[in-house]
Amino acid sequence: MNDKNSKNNVHLFEGWAFGKTNYILFAVGMSALLVGYALMASGTVNSFQSLTLAPIFLFLGYVVIIPLALVYREKAPQDDS
């Protein structure tokens, strides 16, 4: 029975879908969110910073960068044989 389980035993990081690039993109997305919320909190209510700049950073973080980090995959090397 141990032989059967050892064949099907998959380690956690062998099939892990995320690579270094995914984590870097996710960190950039989180940084964009932090900058967006900091800009929104530090500006006055009707300032350019709070009404325009902060929402741009938040949009980029939530809608562009973080989803890109989740779906990005590096291309597998192709064999010419």
PDB file of N, CA and C in Angstrom:
ATOM      1  N   MET A   1       0.818  -1.194   0.000  1.00  0.00           N
ATOM      2  CA  MET A   1       0.000   0.000   0.000  1.00  0.00           C
ATOM      3  C   MET A   1       0.861   1.257   0.000  1.00  0.00           C
ATOM      4  N   ASN A   2       1.998   1.229   0.647  1.00  0.00           N
ATOM      5  CA  ASN A   2       2.890   2.377   0.635  1.00  0.00           C
ATOM      6  C   ASN A   2       3.417   2.658  -0.762  1.00  0.00           C
ATOM      7  N   ASP A   3       3.672   1.605  -1.552  1.00  0.00           N
ATOM      8  CA  ASP A   3       4.163   1.802  -2.907  1.00  0.00           C
ATOM      9  C   ASP A   3       3.139   2.534  -3.761  1.00  0.00           C
ATOM     10  N   LYS A   4       1.879   2.213  -3.570  1.00  0.00           N
ATOM     11  CA  LYS A   4       0.812   2.858  -4.332  1.00  0.00           C
ATOM     12  C   LYS A   4       0.705   4.337  -3.967  1.00  0.00           C
ATOM     13  N   ASN A   5       0.805   4.677  -2.695  1.00  0.00           N
ATOM     14  CA  ASN A   5       0.716   6.061  -2.255  1.00  0.00           C
ATOM     15  C   ASN A   5       1.931   6.871  -2.674  1.00  0.00           C
ATOM     16  N   SER A   6       3.096   6.251  -2.737  1.00  0.00           N
ATOM     17  CA  SER A   6       4.293   6.993  -3.105  1.00  0.00           C
ATOM     18  C   SER A   6       4.273   7.401  -4.573  1.00  0.00           C
ATOM     19  N   LYS A   7       3.610   6.627  -5.431  1.00  0.00           N
ATOM     20  CA  LYS A   7       3.512   6.987  -6.843  1.00  0.00           C
ATOM     21  C   LYS A   7       2.609   8.200  -7.049  1.00  0.00           C
ATOM     22  N   ASN A   8       1.538   8.296  -6.308  1.00  0.00           N
ATOM     23  CA  ASN A   8       0.573   9.376  -6.478  1.00  0.00           C
ATOM     24  C   ASN A   8       0.846  10.567  -5.573  1.00  0.00           C
ATOM     25  N   ASN A   9       1.887  10.501  -4.786  1.00  0.00           N
ATOM     26  CA  ASN A   9       2.195  11.576  -3.853  1.00  0.00           C
ATOM     27  C   ASN A   9       2.760  12.771  -4.609  1.00  0.00           C
ATOM     28  N   VAL A  10       2.042  13.864  -4.611  1.00  0.00           N
ATOM     29  CA  VAL A  10       2.484  15.086  -5.275  1.00  0.00           C
ATOM     30  C   VAL A  10       2.857  16.083  -4.188  1.00  0.00           C
ATOM     31  N   HIS A  11       4.061  16.577  -4.283  1.00  0.00           N
ATOM     32  CA  HIS A  11       4.506  17.564  -3.306  1.00  0.00           C
ATOM     33  C   HIS A  11       3.884  18.916  -3.619  1.00  0.00           C
ATOM     34  N   LEU A  12       3.825  19.758  -2.628  1.00  0.00           N
ATOM     35  CA  LEU A  12       3.121  21.030  -2.745  1.00  0.00           C
ATOM     36  C   LEU A  12       3.702  21.909  -3.844  1.00  0.00           C
ATOM     37  N   PHE A  13       5.012  22.049  -3.914  1.00  0.00           N
ATOM     38  CA  PHE A  13       5.602  23.009  -4.834  1.00  0.00           C
ATOM     39  C   PHE A  13       5.950  22.422  -6.199  1.00  0.00           C
ATOM     40  N   GLU A  14       5.729  21.137  -6.418  1.00  0.00           N
ATOM     41  CA  GLU A  14       5.966  20.575  -7.741  1.00  0.00           C
ATOM     42  C   GLU A  14       4.906  21.036  -8.734  1.00  0.00           C
ATOM     43  N   GLY A  15       3.671  21.140  -8.301  1.00  0.00           N
ATOM     44  CA  GLY A  15       2.597  21.548  -9.180  1.00  0.00           C
ATOM     45  C   GLY A  15       2.136  22.975  -8.927  1.00  0.00           C
ATOM     46  N   TRP A  16       2.938  23.749  -8.232  1.00  0.00           N
ATOM     47  CA  TRP A  16       2.574  25.110  -7.869  1.00  0.00           C
ATOM     48  C   TRP A  16       2.483  25.962  -9.125  1.00  0.00           C
ATOM     49  N   ALA A  17       1.397  26.675  -9.297  1.00  0.00           N
ATOM     50  CA  ALA A  17       1.159  27.426 -10.531  1.00  0.00           C
ATOM     51  C   ALA A  17       1.859  28.777 -10.556  1.00  0.00           C
ATOM     52  N   PHE A  18       2.194  29.337  -9.412  1.00  0.00           N
ATOM     53  CA  PHE A  18       2.761  30.673  -9.376  1.00  0.00           C
ATOM     54  C   PHE A  18       4.274  30.622  -9.303  1.00  0.00           C
ATOM     55  N   GLY A  19       4.900  31.477 -10.081  1.00  0.00           N
ATOM     56  CA  GLY A  19       6.351  31.573 -10.098  1.00  0.00           C
ATOM     57  C   GLY A  19       6.796  32.907  -9.518  1.00  0.00           C
ATOM     58  N   LYS A  20       8.057  33.183  -9.682  1.00  0.00           N
ATOM     59  CA  LYS A  20       8.640  34.414  -9.145  1.00  0.00           C
ATOM     60  C   LYS A  20       7.999  35.657  -9.776  1.00  0.00           C
ATOM     61  N   THR A  21       7.740  35.591 -11.071  1.00  0.00           N
ATOM     62  CA  THR A  21       7.138  36.725 -11.782  1.00  0.00           C
ATOM     63  C   THR A  21       5.745  37.028 -11.245  1.00  0.00           C
ATOM     64  N   ASN A  22       4.970  35.992 -10.921  1.00  0.00           N
ATOM     65  CA  ASN A  22       3.631  36.194 -10.380  1.00  0.00           C
ATOM     66  C   ASN A  22       3.686  36.933  -9.044  1.00  0.00           C
ATOM     67  N   TYR A  23       4.618  36.534  -8.192  1.00  0.00           N
ATOM     68  CA  TYR A  23       4.730  37.185  -6.888  1.00  0.00           C
ATOM     69  C   TYR A  23       5.222  38.624  -7.010  1.00  0.00           C
ATOM     70  N   ILE A  24       6.098  38.896  -7.956  1.00  0.00           N
ATOM     71  CA  ILE A  24       6.561  40.266  -8.182  1.00  0.00           C
ATOM     72  C   ILE A  24       5.409  41.130  -8.676  1.00  0.00           C
ATOM     73  N   LEU A  25       4.639  40.625  -9.638  1.00  0.00           N
ATOM     74  CA  LEU A  25       3.476  41.376 -10.130  1.00  0.00           C
ATOM     75  C   LEU A  25       2.455  41.615  -9.028  1.00  0.00           C
ATOM     76  N   PHE A  26       2.244  40.601  -8.186  1.00  0.00           N
ATOM     77  CA  PHE A  26       1.300  40.765  -7.083  1.00  0.00           C
ATOM     78  C   PHE A  26       1.792  41.824  -6.100  1.00  0.00           C
ATOM     79  N   ALA A  27       3.087  41.847  -5.820  1.00  0.00           N
ATOM     80  CA  ALA A  27       3.652  42.860  -4.924  1.00  0.00           C
ATOM     81  C   ALA A  27       3.528  44.259  -5.533  1.00  0.00           C
ATOM     82  N   VAL A  28       3.726  44.375  -6.831  1.00  0.00           N
ATOM     83  CA  VAL A  28       3.553  45.672  -7.507  1.00  0.00           C
ATOM     84  C   VAL A  28       2.092  46.106  -7.425  1.00  0.00           C
ATOM     85  N   GLY A  29       1.168  45.171  -7.600  1.00  0.00           N
ATOM     86  CA  GLY A  29      -0.259  45.494  -7.484  1.00  0.00           C
ATOM     87  C   GLY A  29      -0.633  45.939  -6.085  1.00  0.00           C
ATOM     88  N   MET A  30      -0.120  45.250  -5.082  1.00  0.00           N
ATOM     89  CA  MET A  30      -0.393  45.649  -3.693  1.00  0.00           C
ATOM     90  C   MET A  30       0.213  47.012  -3.390  1.00  0.00           C
ATOM     91  N   SER A  31       1.388  47.289  -3.944  1.00  0.00           N
ATOM     92  CA  SER A  31       2.013  48.602  -3.761  1.00  0.00           C
ATOM     93  C   SER A  31       1.170  49.697  -4.405  1.00  0.00           C
ATOM     94  N   ALA A  32       0.618  49.409  -5.578  1.00  0.00           N
ATOM     95  CA  ALA A  32      -0.258  50.383  -6.239  1.00  0.00           C
ATOM     96  C   ALA A  32      -1.490  50.662  -5.385  1.00  0.00           C
ATOM     97  N   LEU A  33      -2.033  49.624  -4.756  1.00  0.00           N
ATOM     98  CA  LEU A  33      -3.192  49.819  -3.876  1.00  0.00           C
ATOM     99  C   LEU A  33      -2.819  50.664  -2.661  1.00  0.00           C
ATOM    100  N   LEU A  34      -1.682  50.368  -2.063  1.00  0.00           N
ATOM    101  CA  LEU A  34      -1.260  51.145  -0.895  1.00  0.00           C
ATOM    102  C   LEU A  34      -1.026  52.609  -1.254  1.00  0.00           C
ATOM    103  N   VAL A  35      -0.396  52.847  -2.393  1.00  0.00           N
ATOM    104  CA  VAL A  35      -0.174  54.227  -2.838  1.00  0.00           C
ATOM    105  C   VAL A  35      -1.512  54.908  -3.114  1.00  0.00           C
ATOM    106  N   GLY A  36      -2.438  54.215  -3.750  1.00  0.00           N
ATOM    107  CA  GLY A  36      -3.749  54.785  -4.054  1.00  0.00           C
ATOM    108  C   GLY A  36      -4.514  55.164  -2.799  1.00  0.00           C
ATOM    109  N   TYR A  37      -4.532  54.264  -1.811  1.00  0.00           N
ATOM    110  CA  TYR A  37      -5.236  54.583  -0.570  1.00  0.00           C
ATOM    111  C   TYR A  37      -4.526  55.680   0.214  1.00  0.00           C
ATOM    112  N   ALA A  38      -3.195  55.710   0.182  1.00  0.00           N
ATOM    113  CA  ALA A  38      -2.455  56.771   0.867  1.00  0.00           C
ATOM    114  C   ALA A  38      -2.728  58.122   0.217  1.00  0.00           C
ATOM    115  N   LEU A  39      -2.767  58.160  -1.113  1.00  0.00           N
ATOM    116  CA  LEU A  39      -3.080  59.410  -1.814  1.00  0.00           C
ATOM    117  C   LEU A  39      -4.499  59.868  -1.511  1.00  0.00           C
ATOM    118  N   MET A  40      -5.422  58.930  -1.446  1.00  0.00           N
ATOM    119  CA  MET A  40      -6.806  59.283  -1.163  1.00  0.00           C
ATOM    120  C   MET A  40      -6.961  59.818   0.261  1.00  0.00           C
ATOM    121  N   ALA A  41      -6.255  59.230   1.191  1.00  0.00           N
ATOM    122  CA  ALA A  41      -6.381  59.638   2.592  1.00  0.00           C
ATOM    123  C   ALA A  41      -5.670  60.951   2.880  1.00  0.00           C
ATOM    124  N   SER A  42      -4.590  61.232   2.164  1.00  0.00           N
ATOM    125  CA  SER A  42      -3.807  62.426   2.493  1.00  0.00           C
ATOM    126  C   SER A  42      -4.283  63.689   1.784  1.00  0.00           C
ATOM    127  N   GLY A  43      -5.074  63.556   0.733  1.00  0.00           N
ATOM    128  CA  GLY A  43      -5.552  64.729   0.007  1.00  0.00           C
ATOM    129  C   GLY A  43      -6.824  65.294   0.610  1.00  0.00           C
ATOM    130  N   THR A  44      -7.110  66.542   0.256  1.00  0.00           N
ATOM    131  CA  THR A  44      -8.375  67.118   0.706  1.00  0.00           C
ATOM    132  C   THR A  44      -9.508  66.493  -0.109  1.00  0.00           C
ATOM    133  N   VAL A  45     -10.733  66.774   0.276  1.00  0.00           N
ATOM    134  CA  VAL A  45     -11.886  66.100  -0.321  1.00  0.00           C
ATOM    135  C   VAL A  45     -12.007  66.369  -1.815  1.00  0.00           C
ATOM    136  N   ASN A  46     -11.818  67.580  -2.252  1.00  0.00           N
ATOM    137  CA  ASN A  46     -12.014  67.934  -3.659  1.00  0.00           C
ATOM    138  C   ASN A  46     -10.696  68.195  -4.381  1.00  0.00           C
ATOM    139  N   SER A  47      -9.622  67.540  -4.010  1.00  0.00           N
ATOM    140  CA  SER A  47      -8.341  67.775  -4.667  1.00  0.00           C
ATOM    141  C   SER A  47      -8.150  66.827  -5.846  1.00  0.00           C
ATOM    142  N   PHE A  48      -7.252  67.217  -6.735  1.00  0.00           N
ATOM    143  CA  PHE A  48      -6.892  66.378  -7.881  1.00  0.00           C
ATOM    144  C   PHE A  48      -6.362  65.035  -7.404  1.00  0.00           C
ATOM    145  N   GLN A  49      -5.631  65.078  -6.326  1.00  0.00           N
ATOM    146  CA  GLN A  49      -5.017  63.876  -5.754  1.00  0.00           C
ATOM    147  C   GLN A  49      -6.070  62.861  -5.323  1.00  0.00           C
ATOM    148  N   SER A  50      -7.107  63.311  -4.647  1.00  0.00           N
ATOM    149  CA  SER A  50      -8.141  62.399  -4.140  1.00  0.00           C
ATOM    150  C   SER A  50      -9.156  61.991  -5.194  1.00  0.00           C
ATOM    151  N   LEU A  51      -9.451  62.866  -6.134  1.00  0.00           N
ATOM    152  CA  LEU A  51     -10.501  62.582  -7.110  1.00  0.00           C
ATOM    153  C   LEU A  51     -10.004  61.948  -8.400  1.00  0.00           C
ATOM    154  N   THR A  52      -8.722  62.113  -8.736  1.00  0.00           N
ATOM    155  CA  THR A  52      -8.220  61.606 -10.009  1.00  0.00           C
ATOM    156  C   THR A  52      -7.051  60.639  -9.850  1.00  0.00           C
ATOM    157  N   LEU A  53      -6.025  61.064  -9.151  1.00  0.00           N
ATOM    158  CA  LEU A  53      -4.800  60.275  -9.064  1.00  0.00           C
ATOM    159  C   LEU A  53      -4.982  58.994  -8.258  1.00  0.00           C
ATOM    160  N   ALA A  54      -5.606  59.084  -7.102  1.00  0.00           N
ATOM    161  CA  ALA A  54      -5.819  57.904  -6.255  1.00  0.00           C
ATOM    162  C   ALA A  54      -6.699  56.854  -6.936  1.00  0.00           C
ATOM    163  N   PRO A  55      -7.818  57.222  -7.559  1.00  0.00           N
ATOM    164  CA  PRO A  55      -8.620  56.204  -8.253  1.00  0.00           C
ATOM    165  C   PRO A  55      -7.896  55.530  -9.419  1.00  0.00           C
ATOM    166  N   ILE A  56      -6.984  56.259 -10.075  1.00  0.00           N
ATOM    167  CA  ILE A  56      -6.206  55.641 -11.153  1.00  0.00           C
ATOM    168  C   ILE A  56      -5.314  54.544 -10.589  1.00  0.00           C
ATOM    169  N   PHE A  57      -4.621  54.818  -9.481  1.00  0.00           N
ATOM    170  CA  PHE A  57      -3.778  53.805  -8.851  1.00  0.00           C
ATOM    171  C   PHE A  57      -4.618  52.616  -8.365  1.00  0.00           C
ATOM    172  N   LEU A  58      -5.768  52.888  -7.790  1.00  0.00           N
ATOM    173  CA  LEU A  58      -6.622  51.808  -7.300  1.00  0.00           C
ATOM    174  C   LEU A  58      -7.159  50.962  -8.451  1.00  0.00           C
ATOM    175  N   PHE A  59      -7.570  51.603  -9.530  1.00  0.00           N
ATOM    176  CA  PHE A  59      -8.050  50.877 -10.705  1.00  0.00           C
ATOM    177  C   PHE A  59      -6.956  49.990 -11.274  1.00  0.00           C
ATOM    178  N   LEU A  60      -5.756  50.554 -11.438  1.00  0.00           N
ATOM    179  CA  LEU A  60      -4.652  49.762 -11.972  1.00  0.00           C
ATOM    180  C   LEU A  60      -4.327  48.574 -11.077  1.00  0.00           C
ATOM    181  N   GLY A  61      -4.361  48.798  -9.768  1.00  0.00           N
ATOM    182  CA  GLY A  61      -4.060  47.713  -8.842  1.00  0.00           C
ATOM    183  C   GLY A  61      -5.100  46.613  -8.870  1.00  0.00           C
ATOM    184  N   TYR A  62      -6.380  47.000  -8.738  1.00  0.00           N
ATOM    185  CA  TYR A  62      -7.453  46.011  -8.630  1.00  0.00           C
ATOM    186  C   TYR A  62      -7.826  45.359  -9.958  1.00  0.00           C
ATOM    187  N   VAL A  63      -7.810  46.114 -11.051  1.00  0.00           N
ATOM    188  CA  VAL A  63      -8.378  45.623 -12.303  1.00  0.00           C
ATOM    189  C   VAL A  63      -7.322  45.173 -13.312  1.00  0.00           C
ATOM    190  N   VAL A  64      -6.094  45.674 -13.190  1.00  0.00           N
ATOM    191  CA  VAL A  64      -5.079  45.340 -14.179  1.00  0.00           C
ATOM    192  C   VAL A  64      -3.963  44.469 -13.591  1.00  0.00           C
ATOM    193  N   ILE A  65      -3.263  44.976 -12.575  1.00  0.00           N
ATOM    194  CA  ILE A  65      -2.024  44.328 -12.141  1.00  0.00           C
ATOM    195  C   ILE A  65      -2.278  43.038 -11.362  1.00  0.00           C
ATOM    196  N   ILE A  66      -3.159  43.056 -10.372  1.00  0.00           N
ATOM    197  CA  ILE A  66      -3.394  41.851  -9.570  1.00  0.00           C
ATOM    198  C   ILE A  66      -4.021  40.727 -10.408  1.00  0.00           C
ATOM    199  N   PRO A  67      -5.019  40.983 -11.254  1.00  0.00           N
ATOM    200  CA  PRO A  67      -5.495  39.893 -12.119  1.00  0.00           C
ATOM    201  C   PRO A  67      -4.420  39.384 -13.081  1.00  0.00           C
ATOM    202  N   LEU A  68      -3.565  40.279 -13.567  1.00  0.00           N
ATOM    203  CA  LEU A  68      -2.463  39.854 -14.422  1.00  0.00           C
ATOM    204  C   LEU A  68      -1.516  38.929 -13.662  1.00  0.00           C
ATOM    205  N   ALA A  69      -1.280  39.233 -12.396  1.00  0.00           N
ATOM    206  CA  ALA A  69      -0.422  38.369 -11.579  1.00  0.00           C
ATOM    207  C   ALA A  69      -1.045  36.995 -11.382  1.00  0.00           C
ATOM    208  N   LEU A  70      -2.357  36.918 -11.357  1.00  0.00           N
ATOM    209  CA  LEU A  70      -3.028  35.637 -11.148  1.00  0.00           C
ATOM    210  C   LEU A  70      -3.070  34.764 -12.403  1.00  0.00           C
ATOM    211  N   VAL A  71      -3.143  35.366 -13.581  1.00  0.00           N
ATOM    212  CA  VAL A  71      -3.289  34.589 -14.801  1.00  0.00           C
ATOM    213  C   VAL A  71      -1.998  34.452 -15.602  1.00  0.00           C
ATOM    214  N   TYR A  72      -0.952  35.180 -15.254  1.00  0.00           N
ATOM    215  CA  TYR A  72       0.299  35.149 -16.020  1.00  0.00           C
ATOM    216  C   TYR A  72       0.999  33.799 -15.866  1.00  0.00           C
ATOM    217  N   ARG A  73       1.451  33.238 -16.989  1.00  0.00           N
ATOM    218  CA  ARG A  73       2.251  32.010 -16.983  1.00  0.00           C
ATOM    219  C   ARG A  73       3.422  32.199 -17.932  1.00  0.00           C
ATOM    220  N   GLU A  74       4.574  31.754 -17.493  1.00  0.00           N
ATOM    221  CA  GLU A  74       5.737  31.819 -18.369  1.00  0.00           C
ATOM    222  C   GLU A  74       5.609  30.748 -19.441  1.00  0.00           C
ATOM    223  N   LYS A  75       6.097  31.051 -20.614  1.00  0.00           N
ATOM    224  CA  LYS A  75       6.011  30.096 -21.714  1.00  0.00           C
ATOM    225  C   LYS A  75       6.992  28.957 -21.467  1.00  0.00           C
ATOM    226  N   ALA A  76       6.530  27.758 -21.736  1.00  0.00           N
ATOM    227  CA  ALA A  76       7.381  26.581 -21.584  1.00  0.00           C
ATOM    228  C   ALA A  76       8.366  26.537 -22.741  1.00  0.00           C
ATOM    229  N   PRO A  77       9.596  26.130 -22.480  1.00  0.00           N
ATOM    230  CA  PRO A  77      10.560  26.038 -23.582  1.00  0.00           C
ATOM    231  C   PRO A  77      10.131  24.966 -24.580  1.00  0.00           C
ATOM    232  N   GLN A  78      10.273  25.285 -25.856  1.00  0.00           N
ATOM    233  CA  GLN A  78       9.845  24.361 -26.899  1.00  0.00           C
ATOM    234  C   GLN A  78      11.031  23.544 -27.371  1.00  0.00           C
ATOM    235  N   ASP A  79      10.815  22.269 -27.562  1.00  0.00           N
ATOM    236  CA  ASP A  79      11.838  21.386 -28.106  1.00  0.00           C
ATOM    237  C   ASP A  79      11.681  21.333 -29.619  1.00  0.00           C
ATOM    238  N   ASP A  80      12.797  21.484 -30.332  1.00  0.00           N
ATOM    239  CA  ASP A  80      12.761  21.453 -31.794  1.00  0.00           C
ATOM    240  C   ASP A  80      12.961  20.060 -32.365  1.00  0.00           C
ATOM    241  N   SER A  81      12.882  19.039 -31.559  1.00  0.00           N
ATOM    242  CA  SER A  81      13.107  17.687 -32.051  1.00  0.00           C
ATOM    243  C   SER A  81      11.879  17.044 -32.616  1.00  0.00           C
TER     244      SER A  81
END
